[in-house]
Amino acid sequence: MERTDVIVDYGGEQFVIELKIWRGNAYNERGEKQLTDYLDYYHLKKGYMLSFNFNKKKEIGVKELVLGDKLLVEAVV
């Protein structure tokens, strides 16, 4: 498998976290696809993506996105 950024094993569960630097919507969508591929590999339904955005007019916050049968929790800081 390719490089996964962070996998946390805690309390008998696994959490897959993808870290990205914000480089636009197209790059973000590729990151979401990459995360869903990791979730398939680890047989998980929920994953997390943390995007670091250095733009002055960024929209920070957390949102949930459903892609197929996967739930992605995305945070922009």
N, C-alpha and C. Protein backbone atom coordinates (compact mmCIF):
# COMPACT_ATOMS: atom_id res chain seq x y z
N MET A 1 0.85 -1.18 0.00
CA MET A 1 0.00 0.00 0.00
C MET A 1 0.89 1.24 0.00
N GLU A 2 0.32 2.34 -0.46
CA GLU A 2 1.06 3.60 -0.45
C GLU A 2 1.24 4.10 0.97
N ARG A 3 1.89 5.23 1.10
CA ARG A 3 2.11 5.81 2.42
C ARG A 3 0.82 6.38 2.98
N THR A 4 0.46 5.95 4.14
CA THR A 4 -0.64 6.56 4.88
C THR A 4 -0.01 7.50 5.89
N ASP A 5 -0.59 8.68 6.06
CA ASP A 5 0.03 9.67 6.93
C ASP A 5 0.03 9.25 8.39
N VAL A 6 -1.16 9.01 8.97
CA VAL A 6 -1.23 8.66 10.38
C VAL A 6 -2.28 7.56 10.57
N ILE A 7 -1.90 6.53 11.28
CA ILE A 7 -2.85 5.50 11.70
C ILE A 7 -2.74 5.40 13.22
N VAL A 8 -3.85 5.63 13.88
CA VAL A 8 -3.88 5.60 15.34
C VAL A 8 -4.61 4.32 15.75
N ASP A 9 -3.97 3.52 16.58
CA ASP A 9 -4.60 2.36 17.19
C ASP A 9 -4.88 2.73 18.63
N TYR A 10 -6.18 2.81 18.97
CA TYR A 10 -6.55 3.24 20.31
C TYR A 10 -7.80 2.49 20.74
N GLY A 11 -7.77 1.89 21.90
CA GLY A 11 -8.93 1.22 22.44
C GLY A 11 -9.49 0.13 21.54
N GLY A 12 -8.61 -0.55 20.83
CA GLY A 12 -9.05 -1.63 19.96
C GLY A 12 -9.58 -1.16 18.61
N GLU A 13 -9.52 0.14 18.33
CA GLU A 13 -9.98 0.68 17.05
C GLU A 13 -8.82 1.30 16.29
N GLN A 14 -8.99 1.40 14.97
CA GLN A 14 -8.01 2.08 14.13
C GLN A 14 -8.64 3.33 13.55
N PHE A 15 -7.85 4.40 13.50
CA PHE A 15 -8.28 5.67 12.92
C PHE A 15 -7.25 6.07 11.87
N VAL A 16 -7.70 6.29 10.64
CA VAL A 16 -6.82 6.70 9.55
C VAL A 16 -6.98 8.21 9.36
N ILE A 17 -5.85 8.92 9.38
CA ILE A 17 -5.85 10.37 9.27
C ILE A 17 -4.92 10.77 8.13
N GLU A 18 -5.46 11.51 7.18
CA GLU A 18 -4.69 12.02 6.04
C GLU A 18 -4.38 13.48 6.30
N LEU A 19 -3.11 13.86 6.19
CA LEU A 19 -2.68 15.24 6.39
C LEU A 19 -2.36 15.87 5.04
N LYS A 20 -2.88 17.07 4.81
CA LYS A 20 -2.67 17.75 3.53
C LYS A 20 -2.39 19.23 3.76
N ILE A 21 -1.64 19.81 2.84
CA ILE A 21 -1.52 21.26 2.75
C ILE A 21 -2.48 21.69 1.66
N TRP A 22 -3.33 22.69 1.95
CA TRP A 22 -4.34 23.14 1.00
C TRP A 22 -3.67 23.70 -0.25
N ARG A 23 -4.01 23.11 -1.38
CA ARG A 23 -3.48 23.57 -2.67
C ARG A 23 -4.60 23.64 -3.70
N GLY A 24 -5.82 23.88 -3.23
CA GLY A 24 -6.95 24.03 -4.13
C GLY A 24 -7.90 22.85 -4.07
N ASN A 25 -9.07 23.05 -4.70
CA ASN A 25 -10.13 22.04 -4.65
C ASN A 25 -9.74 20.73 -5.33
N ALA A 26 -9.09 20.81 -6.50
CA ALA A 26 -8.72 19.59 -7.22
C ALA A 26 -7.77 18.74 -6.38
N TYR A 27 -6.79 19.37 -5.76
CA TYR A 27 -5.84 18.65 -4.90
C TYR A 27 -6.56 18.05 -3.70
N ASN A 28 -7.53 18.80 -3.14
CA ASN A 28 -8.30 18.31 -2.00
C ASN A 28 -9.13 17.09 -2.39
N GLU A 29 -9.74 17.11 -3.56
CA GLU A 29 -10.53 15.96 -4.02
C GLU A 29 -9.66 14.73 -4.23
N ARG A 30 -8.44 14.91 -4.71
CA ARG A 30 -7.52 13.77 -4.83
C ARG A 30 -7.17 13.22 -3.46
N GLY A 31 -7.03 14.10 -2.47
CA GLY A 31 -6.78 13.66 -1.09
C GLY A 31 -7.94 12.86 -0.52
N GLU A 32 -9.16 13.28 -0.84
CA GLU A 32 -10.34 12.54 -0.39
C GLU A 32 -10.37 11.15 -1.01
N LYS A 33 -10.05 11.06 -2.29
CA LYS A 33 -10.00 9.77 -2.97
C LYS A 33 -8.92 8.88 -2.35
N GLN A 34 -7.77 9.48 -2.09
CA GLN A 34 -6.67 8.74 -1.47
C GLN A 34 -7.11 8.20 -0.11
N LEU A 35 -7.81 9.00 0.67
CA LEU A 35 -8.27 8.57 1.99
C LEU A 35 -9.28 7.44 1.86
N THR A 36 -10.21 7.52 0.91
CA THR A 36 -11.18 6.42 0.75
C THR A 36 -10.48 5.14 0.34
N ASP A 37 -9.41 5.24 -0.45
CA ASP A 37 -8.64 4.05 -0.82
C ASP A 37 -7.99 3.43 0.42
N TYR A 38 -7.44 4.27 1.30
CA TYR A 38 -6.85 3.76 2.55
C TYR A 38 -7.91 3.08 3.41
N LEU A 39 -9.10 3.68 3.47
CA LEU A 39 -10.18 3.10 4.27
C LEU A 39 -10.57 1.74 3.73
N ASP A 40 -10.61 1.61 2.40
CA ASP A 40 -10.88 0.30 1.81
C ASP A 40 -9.82 -0.71 2.22
N TYR A 41 -8.56 -0.29 2.16
CA TYR A 41 -7.44 -1.18 2.48
C TYR A 41 -7.53 -1.67 3.94
N TYR A 42 -7.90 -0.76 4.85
CA TYR A 42 -7.97 -1.11 6.27
C TYR A 42 -9.36 -1.58 6.70
N HIS A 43 -10.28 -1.70 5.76
CA HIS A 43 -11.66 -2.18 6.02
C HIS A 43 -12.37 -1.29 7.04
N LEU A 44 -12.27 0.02 6.83
CA LEU A 44 -12.90 1.00 7.71
C LEU A 44 -13.94 1.80 6.93
N LYS A 45 -14.88 2.38 7.64
CA LYS A 45 -15.94 3.18 7.02
C LYS A 45 -15.80 4.67 7.30
N LYS A 46 -14.95 5.03 8.27
CA LYS A 46 -14.81 6.43 8.65
C LYS A 46 -13.33 6.81 8.69
N GLY A 47 -13.01 7.97 8.10
CA GLY A 47 -11.64 8.45 8.09
C GLY A 47 -11.60 9.95 8.31
N TYR A 48 -10.41 10.46 8.52
CA TYR A 48 -10.23 11.86 8.86
C TYR A 48 -9.19 12.50 7.96
N MET A 49 -9.45 13.76 7.58
CA MET A 49 -8.48 14.51 6.78
C MET A 49 -8.28 15.87 7.43
N LEU A 50 -7.03 16.21 7.68
CA LEU A 50 -6.66 17.48 8.27
C LEU A 50 -5.90 18.27 7.23
N SER A 51 -6.47 19.42 6.83
CA SER A 51 -5.85 20.27 5.80
C SER A 51 -5.33 21.54 6.46
N PHE A 52 -4.09 21.85 6.18
CA PHE A 52 -3.47 23.08 6.67
C PHE A 52 -3.56 24.11 5.54
N ASN A 53 -4.31 25.19 5.79
CA ASN A 53 -4.55 26.21 4.77
C ASN A 53 -3.89 27.51 5.24
N PHE A 54 -2.96 28.01 4.45
CA PHE A 54 -2.21 29.21 4.81
C PHE A 54 -2.72 30.45 4.10
N ASN A 55 -3.87 30.34 3.40
CA ASN A 55 -4.47 31.50 2.74
C ASN A 55 -5.06 32.44 3.79
N LYS A 56 -4.98 33.74 3.50
CA LYS A 56 -5.51 34.72 4.46
C LYS A 56 -7.02 34.67 4.55
N LYS A 57 -7.72 34.32 3.47
CA LYS A 57 -9.18 34.30 3.46
C LYS A 57 -9.72 32.88 3.50
N LYS A 58 -9.09 32.02 4.27
CA LYS A 58 -9.51 30.62 4.34
C LYS A 58 -10.79 30.46 5.14
N GLU A 59 -11.50 29.37 4.86
CA GLU A 59 -12.66 28.99 5.64
C GLU A 59 -12.24 27.82 6.54
N ILE A 60 -12.13 28.10 7.82
CA ILE A 60 -11.73 27.05 8.74
C ILE A 60 -12.96 26.34 9.28
N GLY A 61 -12.76 25.14 9.77
CA GLY A 61 -13.86 24.41 10.37
C GLY A 61 -13.80 22.93 10.07
N VAL A 62 -14.84 22.23 10.53
CA VAL A 62 -14.94 20.79 10.37
C VAL A 62 -16.24 20.49 9.63
N LYS A 63 -16.16 19.58 8.66
CA LYS A 63 -17.36 19.15 7.94
C LYS A 63 -17.29 17.65 7.73
N GLU A 64 -18.45 17.06 7.54
CA GLU A 64 -18.53 15.64 7.23
C GLU A 64 -18.96 15.48 5.79
N LEU A 65 -18.35 14.53 5.11
CA LEU A 65 -18.61 14.28 3.70
C LEU A 65 -18.81 12.79 3.50
N VAL A 66 -19.86 12.41 2.80
CA VAL A 66 -20.12 11.01 2.51
C VAL A 66 -19.70 10.75 1.07
N LEU A 67 -18.78 9.81 0.89
CA LEU A 67 -18.34 9.38 -0.44
C LEU A 67 -18.60 7.89 -0.53
N GLY A 68 -19.60 7.51 -1.32
CA GLY A 68 -19.97 6.10 -1.40
C GLY A 68 -20.46 5.63 -0.05
N ASP A 69 -19.82 4.60 0.47
CA ASP A 69 -20.19 4.09 1.79
C ASP A 69 -19.24 4.57 2.88
N LYS A 70 -18.42 5.57 2.59
CA LYS A 70 -17.43 6.08 3.53
C LYS A 70 -17.86 7.45 4.08
N LEU A 71 -17.55 7.69 5.34
CA LEU A 71 -17.74 8.99 5.97
C LEU A 71 -16.37 9.60 6.21
N LEU A 72 -16.17 10.79 5.63
CA LEU A 72 -14.92 11.52 5.83
C LEU A 72 -15.19 12.73 6.70
N VAL A 73 -14.39 12.89 7.73
CA VAL A 73 -14.46 14.07 8.58
C VAL A 73 -13.26 14.93 8.19
N GLU A 74 -13.55 16.11 7.64
CA GLU A 74 -12.49 16.99 7.15
C GLU A 74 -12.40 18.23 8.01
N ALA A 75 -11.20 18.55 8.44
CA ALA A 75 -10.95 19.76 9.23
C ALA A 75 -9.96 20.63 8.48
N VAL A 76 -10.25 21.91 8.40
CA VAL A 76 -9.34 22.87 7.77
C VAL A 76 -8.88 23.84 8.86
N VAL A 77 -7.58 23.95 9.00
CA VAL A 77 -6.99 24.86 9.98
C VAL A 77 -6.02 25.79 9.30
